[in-house]
Amino acid sequence: MTSDYYYTVGTIVFCFALGMAGAKHTEPVVYRPKNKKDPLRNFYRLSKSQKRKITAVDLSNMGLSELPDDLFLGFDNLENILLTFSDFREIPQAVFKVPTLKKLDISNNLLHRIDRDIGNLTNLKTLMIGSYRREAPDEIVCPSITTINLWANTLDKDVFEVLIKKCTGKEPSELRRF
């Protein structure tokens, strides 16, 4: 797997500071393919133990427009998926098969719709769909979302408010803007 790489964003060993000798706090292990011509080639070559260590997959800027449905099988600790600056017209079904997912960034794509299956991601806290320029989705609710990023959109205020309500189950006035 010379064309791909993993990186750990900081590992802090607490040891005696917390009175727990040998205890570790490990930051995310991110998997990002380097090969933009065939970025998915090595996904199926990863071992079970490698897949279990990965907590984030970054497929941004790879020119992808679809993903195989079984792509994330075996990624038992996957919490973050980044699919930004690609050509997705809808959220790939593979994403909906990641029950541990906490953050999805699919900003700057060609999204035409948001699938109601997003509501099945009960651990999803952050949804980033910046540059979403379509209508509000059909009846979906994902009450676990605490942060929704809709920057750089051209939605009318009414559609914008409906989108927030349908994605979070909350009125826009209940949410904090920043």
C-alpha atoms as a PDB file:
ATOM      1  CA  MET A   1       0.000   0.000   0.000  1.00  0.00           C
ATOM      2  CA  THR A   2       2.619   2.509  -0.943  1.00  0.00           C
ATOM      3  CA  SER A   3       0.120   4.760  -2.674  1.00  0.00           C
ATOM      4  CA  ASP A   4      -2.015   5.333   0.432  1.00  0.00           C
ATOM      5  CA  TYR A   5      -1.224   6.627   3.838  1.00  0.00           C
ATOM      6  CA  TYR A   6      -2.551   6.773   7.333  1.00  0.00           C
ATOM      7  CA  TYR A   7      -1.800   9.445   9.812  1.00  0.00           C
ATOM      8  CA  THR A   8      -2.565   9.910  13.429  1.00  0.00           C
ATOM      9  CA  VAL A   9      -3.429  13.402  14.496  1.00  0.00           C
ATOM     10  CA  GLY A  10      -1.590  13.490  17.813  1.00  0.00           C
ATOM     11  CA  THR A  11      -1.413  10.780  20.423  1.00  0.00           C
ATOM     12  CA  ILE A  12      -1.386  11.929  24.008  1.00  0.00           C
ATOM     13  CA  VAL A  13      -0.202   9.524  26.643  1.00  0.00           C
ATOM     14  CA  PHE A  14      -1.685  10.529  29.980  1.00  0.00           C
ATOM     15  CA  CYS A  15       0.155   7.990  32.110  1.00  0.00           C
ATOM     16  CA  PHE A  16       0.662   9.367  35.586  1.00  0.00           C
ATOM     17  CA  ALA A  17      -1.000  12.743  35.026  1.00  0.00           C
ATOM     18  CA  LEU A  18      -4.410  11.104  35.389  1.00  0.00           C
ATOM     19  CA  GLY A  19      -3.228   8.406  37.748  1.00  0.00           C
ATOM     20  CA  MET A  20      -3.707   5.732  35.101  1.00  0.00           C
ATOM     21  CA  ALA A  21      -0.325   4.324  34.204  1.00  0.00           C
ATOM     22  CA  GLY A  22      -0.215   3.381  30.548  1.00  0.00           C
ATOM     23  CA  ALA A  23      -3.618   4.866  29.655  1.00  0.00           C
ATOM     24  CA  LYS A  24      -3.722   6.446  26.203  1.00  0.00           C
ATOM     25  CA  HIS A  25      -5.938   8.913  24.475  1.00  0.00           C
ATOM     26  CA  THR A  26      -5.645   8.457  20.750  1.00  0.00           C
ATOM     27  CA  GLU A  27      -6.741  11.048  18.223  1.00  0.00           C
ATOM     28  CA  PRO A  28      -8.304  10.012  14.918  1.00  0.00           C
ATOM     29  CA  VAL A  29      -6.463   7.767  12.513  1.00  0.00           C
ATOM     30  CA  VAL A  30      -7.264   9.160   9.075  1.00  0.00           C
ATOM     31  CA  TYR A  31      -7.136   7.108   5.891  1.00  0.00           C
ATOM     32  CA  ARG A  32      -6.587   9.125   2.723  1.00  0.00           C
ATOM     33  CA  PRO A  33      -5.680   7.542  -0.609  1.00  0.00           C
ATOM     34  CA  LYS A  34      -2.966   9.347  -2.520  1.00  0.00           C
ATOM     35  CA  ASN A  35      -3.803   7.806  -5.887  1.00  0.00           C
ATOM     36  CA  LYS A  36      -6.408  10.148  -7.392  1.00  0.00           C
ATOM     37  CA  LYS A  37      -6.695   8.052 -10.553  1.00  0.00           C
ATOM     38  CA  ASP A  38      -8.020   5.042  -8.622  1.00  0.00           C
ATOM     39  CA  PRO A  39      -8.567   6.151  -5.012  1.00  0.00           C
ATOM     40  CA  LEU A  40     -10.661   3.129  -3.991  1.00  0.00           C
ATOM     41  CA  ARG A  41      -8.216   0.486  -5.215  1.00  0.00           C
ATOM     42  CA  ASN A  42      -6.638  -0.262  -1.845  1.00  0.00           C
ATOM     43  CA  PHE A  43      -9.769  -0.097   0.310  1.00  0.00           C
ATOM     44  CA  TYR A  44     -10.417  -3.791  -0.207  1.00  0.00           C
ATOM     45  CA  ARG A  45      -6.799  -4.663   0.559  1.00  0.00           C
ATOM     46  CA  LEU A  46      -6.909  -3.254   4.069  1.00  0.00           C
ATOM     47  CA  SER A  47      -6.742  -5.858   6.812  1.00  0.00           C
ATOM     48  CA  LYS A  48      -9.456  -6.165   9.460  1.00  0.00           C
ATOM     49  CA  SER A  49      -7.138  -4.714  12.092  1.00  0.00           C
ATOM     50  CA  GLN A  50      -6.259  -1.758   9.851  1.00  0.00           C
ATOM     51  CA  LYS A  51      -9.931  -1.058   9.222  1.00  0.00           C
ATOM     52  CA  ARG A  52     -10.694  -1.165  12.953  1.00  0.00           C
ATOM     53  CA  LYS A  53      -8.036   1.483  13.688  1.00  0.00           C
ATOM     54  CA  ILE A  54      -9.324   3.971  11.137  1.00  0.00           C
ATOM     55  CA  THR A  55     -11.682   6.586  12.568  1.00  0.00           C
ATOM     56  CA  ALA A  56     -11.812   8.948   9.586  1.00  0.00           C
ATOM     57  CA  VAL A  57     -11.784   8.512   5.810  1.00  0.00           C
ATOM     58  CA  ASP A  58     -10.919  11.464   3.598  1.00  0.00           C
ATOM     59  CA  LEU A  59     -11.939  11.034  -0.030  1.00  0.00           C
ATOM     60  CA  SER A  60     -12.060  14.754  -0.767  1.00  0.00           C
ATOM     61  CA  ASN A  61     -10.891  16.093  -4.097  1.00  0.00           C
ATOM     62  CA  MET A  62     -10.762  12.641  -5.682  1.00  0.00           C
ATOM     63  CA  GLY A  63     -13.245  13.329  -8.488  1.00  0.00           C
ATOM     64  CA  LEU A  64     -15.590  10.619  -7.214  1.00  0.00           C
ATOM     65  CA  SER A  65     -19.263  10.563  -8.118  1.00  0.00           C
ATOM     66  CA  GLU A  66     -20.255   7.257  -6.502  1.00  0.00           C
ATOM     67  CA  LEU A  67     -19.016   4.722  -3.962  1.00  0.00           C
ATOM     68  CA  PRO A  68     -19.534   0.949  -3.777  1.00  0.00           C
ATOM     69  CA  ASP A  69     -22.232   0.139  -1.217  1.00  0.00           C
ATOM     70  CA  ASP A  70     -19.879  -2.140   0.758  1.00  0.00           C
ATOM     71  CA  LEU A  71     -16.912   0.261   0.830  1.00  0.00           C
ATOM     72  CA  PHE A  72     -16.984   0.929   4.583  1.00  0.00           C
ATOM     73  CA  LEU A  73     -17.781  -2.613   5.777  1.00  0.00           C
ATOM     74  CA  GLY A  74     -15.422  -3.601   8.573  1.00  0.00           C
ATOM     75  CA  PHE A  75     -14.613  -0.007   9.532  1.00  0.00           C
ATOM     76  CA  ASP A  76     -16.037  -0.569  13.006  1.00  0.00           C
ATOM     77  CA  ASN A  77     -14.752   2.709  14.483  1.00  0.00           C
ATOM     78  CA  LEU A  78     -15.359   5.020  11.539  1.00  0.00           C
ATOM     79  CA  GLU A  79     -16.699   8.343  12.822  1.00  0.00           C
ATOM     80  CA  ASN A  80     -15.835  10.889  10.135  1.00  0.00           C
ATOM     81  CA  ILE A  81     -16.257  10.780   6.376  1.00  0.00           C
ATOM     82  CA  LEU A  82     -15.083  13.623   4.155  1.00  0.00           C
ATOM     83  CA  LEU A  83     -16.350  13.647   0.571  1.00  0.00           C
ATOM     84  CA  THR A  84     -15.868  17.326  -0.261  1.00  0.00           C
ATOM     85  CA  PHE A  85     -15.069  18.834  -3.644  1.00  0.00           C
ATOM     86  CA  SER A  86     -16.292  15.830  -5.608  1.00  0.00           C
ATOM     87  CA  ASP A  87     -19.083  15.062  -8.063  1.00  0.00           C
ATOM     88  CA  PHE A  88     -21.678  13.343  -5.857  1.00  0.00           C
ATOM     89  CA  ARG A  89     -25.281  14.031  -6.862  1.00  0.00           C
ATOM     90  CA  GLU A  90     -26.602  12.320  -3.740  1.00  0.00           C
ATOM     91  CA  ILE A  91     -25.161  10.988  -0.526  1.00  0.00           C
ATOM     92  CA  PRO A  92     -23.739   7.531  -1.358  1.00  0.00           C
ATOM     93  CA  GLN A  93     -25.572   4.529   0.119  1.00  0.00           C
ATOM     94  CA  ALA A  94     -22.248   3.331   1.588  1.00  0.00           C
ATOM     95  CA  VAL A  95     -22.431   6.233   4.050  1.00  0.00           C
ATOM     96  CA  PHE A  96     -25.779   5.046   5.417  1.00  0.00           C
ATOM     97  CA  LYS A  97     -24.182   1.709   6.353  1.00  0.00           C
ATOM     98  CA  VAL A  98     -21.831   3.296   8.905  1.00  0.00           C
ATOM     99  CA  PRO A  99     -23.725   3.231  12.223  1.00  0.00           C
ATOM    100  CA  THR A 100     -20.806   4.818  14.100  1.00  0.00           C
ATOM    101  CA  LEU A 101     -20.709   7.896  11.841  1.00  0.00           C
ATOM    102  CA  LYS A 102     -20.625  11.187  13.776  1.00  0.00           C
ATOM    103  CA  LYS A 103     -19.550  13.673  11.110  1.00  0.00           C
ATOM    104  CA  LEU A 104     -20.281  13.779   7.391  1.00  0.00           C
ATOM    105  CA  ASP A 105     -18.834  16.517   5.209  1.00  0.00           C
ATOM    106  CA  ILE A 106     -20.195  16.365   1.681  1.00  0.00           C
ATOM    107  CA  SER A 107     -19.834  20.081   0.927  1.00  0.00           C
ATOM    108  CA  ASN A 108     -19.068  21.375  -2.545  1.00  0.00           C
ATOM    109  CA  ASN A 109     -20.677  18.583  -4.519  1.00  0.00           C
ATOM    110  CA  LEU A 110     -23.503  18.463  -7.016  1.00  0.00           C
ATOM    111  CA  LEU A 111     -26.115  17.224  -4.540  1.00  0.00           C
ATOM    112  CA  HIS A 112     -29.620  17.154  -5.950  1.00  0.00           C
ATOM    113  CA  ARG A 113     -31.231  15.659  -2.884  1.00  0.00           C
ATOM    114  CA  ILE A 114     -30.698  14.455   0.633  1.00  0.00           C
ATOM    115  CA  ASP A 115     -31.909  10.898   1.134  1.00  0.00           C
ATOM    116  CA  ARG A 116     -34.287  10.142   3.997  1.00  0.00           C
ATOM    117  CA  ASP A 117     -31.846   7.402   5.098  1.00  0.00           C
ATOM    118  CA  ILE A 118     -29.801  10.152   6.761  1.00  0.00           C
ATOM    119  CA  GLY A 119     -32.298   9.797   9.622  1.00  0.00           C
ATOM    120  CA  ASN A 120     -31.032   6.263  10.267  1.00  0.00           C
ATOM    121  CA  LEU A 121     -27.601   7.580  11.257  1.00  0.00           C
ATOM    122  CA  THR A 122     -28.453   7.865  14.924  1.00  0.00           C
ATOM    123  CA  ASN A 123     -24.921   8.901  15.975  1.00  0.00           C
ATOM    124  CA  LEU A 124     -24.576  11.640  13.347  1.00  0.00           C
ATOM    125  CA  LYS A 125     -23.827  14.921  15.127  1.00  0.00           C
ATOM    126  CA  THR A 126     -22.414  17.092  12.338  1.00  0.00           C
ATOM    127  CA  LEU A 127     -23.717  17.375   8.791  1.00  0.00           C
ATOM    128  CA  MET A 128     -21.844  19.684   6.453  1.00  0.00           C
ATOM    129  CA  ILE A 129     -23.615  20.263   3.145  1.00  0.00           C
ATOM    130  CA  GLY A 130     -22.250  23.666   2.150  1.00  0.00           C
ATOM    131  CA  SER A 131     -23.066  24.748  -1.388  1.00  0.00           C
ATOM    132  CA  TYR A 132     -26.293  22.725  -1.394  1.00  0.00           C
ATOM    133  CA  ARG A 133     -28.444  24.452  -3.985  1.00  0.00           C
ATOM    134  CA  ARG A 134     -31.522  22.305  -4.250  1.00  0.00           C
ATOM    135  CA  GLU A 135     -34.865  22.061  -2.575  1.00  0.00           C
ATOM    136  CA  ALA A 136     -35.471  20.931   0.961  1.00  0.00           C
ATOM    137  CA  PRO A 137     -35.464  17.139   1.282  1.00  0.00           C
ATOM    138  CA  ASP A 138     -38.533  14.982   1.630  1.00  0.00           C
ATOM    139  CA  GLU A 139     -39.666  13.941   5.075  1.00  0.00           C
ATOM    140  CA  ILE A 140     -36.433  13.232   6.913  1.00  0.00           C
ATOM    141  CA  VAL A 141     -35.412  13.877  10.450  1.00  0.00           C
ATOM    142  CA  CYS A 142     -32.086  13.224  12.075  1.00  0.00           C
ATOM    143  CA  PRO A 143     -32.556  14.475  15.640  1.00  0.00           C
ATOM    144  CA  SER A 144     -29.028  13.513  16.661  1.00  0.00           C
ATOM    145  CA  ILE A 145     -27.604  16.365  14.541  1.00  0.00           C
ATOM    146  CA  THR A 146     -26.282  19.187  16.693  1.00  0.00           C
ATOM    147  CA  THR A 147     -24.370  21.034  13.966  1.00  0.00           C
ATOM    148  CA  ILE A 148     -25.477  21.589  10.403  1.00  0.00           C
ATOM    149  CA  ASN A 149     -23.325  23.645   8.073  1.00  0.00           C
ATOM    150  CA  LEU A 150     -25.156  25.154   5.113  1.00  0.00           C
ATOM    151  CA  TRP A 151     -22.649  27.836   4.142  1.00  0.00           C
ATOM    152  CA  ALA A 152     -22.468  29.144   0.581  1.00  0.00           C
ATOM    153  CA  ASN A 153     -25.957  28.033  -0.350  1.00  0.00           C
ATOM    154  CA  THR A 154     -28.390  29.867  -2.579  1.00  0.00           C
ATOM    155  CA  LEU A 155     -31.562  28.609  -0.956  1.00  0.00           C
ATOM    156  CA  ASP A 156     -34.500  30.920  -0.341  1.00  0.00           C
ATOM    157  CA  LYS A 157     -35.037  31.677   3.337  1.00  0.00           C
ATOM    158  CA  ASP A 158     -38.192  29.512   3.429  1.00  0.00           C
ATOM    159  CA  VAL A 159     -36.425  26.510   1.869  1.00  0.00           C
ATOM    160  CA  PHE A 160     -33.430  27.079   4.134  1.00  0.00           C
ATOM    161  CA  GLU A 161     -35.620  26.982   7.250  1.00  0.00           C
ATOM    162  CA  VAL A 162     -37.488  23.887   6.039  1.00  0.00           C
ATOM    163  CA  LEU A 163     -34.161  22.153   5.370  1.00  0.00           C
ATOM    164  CA  ILE A 164     -32.956  22.878   8.894  1.00  0.00           C
ATOM    165  CA  LYS A 165     -36.212  21.686  10.411  1.00  0.00           C
ATOM    166  CA  LYS A 166     -36.303  18.496   8.350  1.00  0.00           C
ATOM    167  CA  CYS A 167     -32.668  17.630   9.053  1.00  0.00           C
ATOM    168  CA  THR A 168     -32.642  18.396  12.766  1.00  0.00           C
ATOM    169  CA  GLY A 169     -36.278  18.167  13.830  1.00  0.00           C
ATOM    170  CA  LYS A 170     -35.891  21.633  15.413  1.00  0.00           C
ATOM    171  CA  GLU A 171     -37.138  25.079  14.509  1.00  0.00           C
ATOM    172  CA  PRO A 172     -34.397  27.375  13.190  1.00  0.00           C
ATOM    173  CA  SER A 173     -35.079  29.747  16.088  1.00  0.00           C
ATOM    174  CA  GLU A 174     -34.056  26.962  18.509  1.00  0.00           C
ATOM    175  CA  LEU A 175     -30.609  26.710  16.967  1.00  0.00           C
ATOM    176  CA  ARG A 176     -27.581  28.848  17.592  1.00  0.00           C
ATOM    177  CA  ARG A 177     -26.200  30.661  14.566  1.00  0.00           C
ATOM    178  CA  PHE A 178     -22.503  31.284  14.096  1.00  0.00           C
END
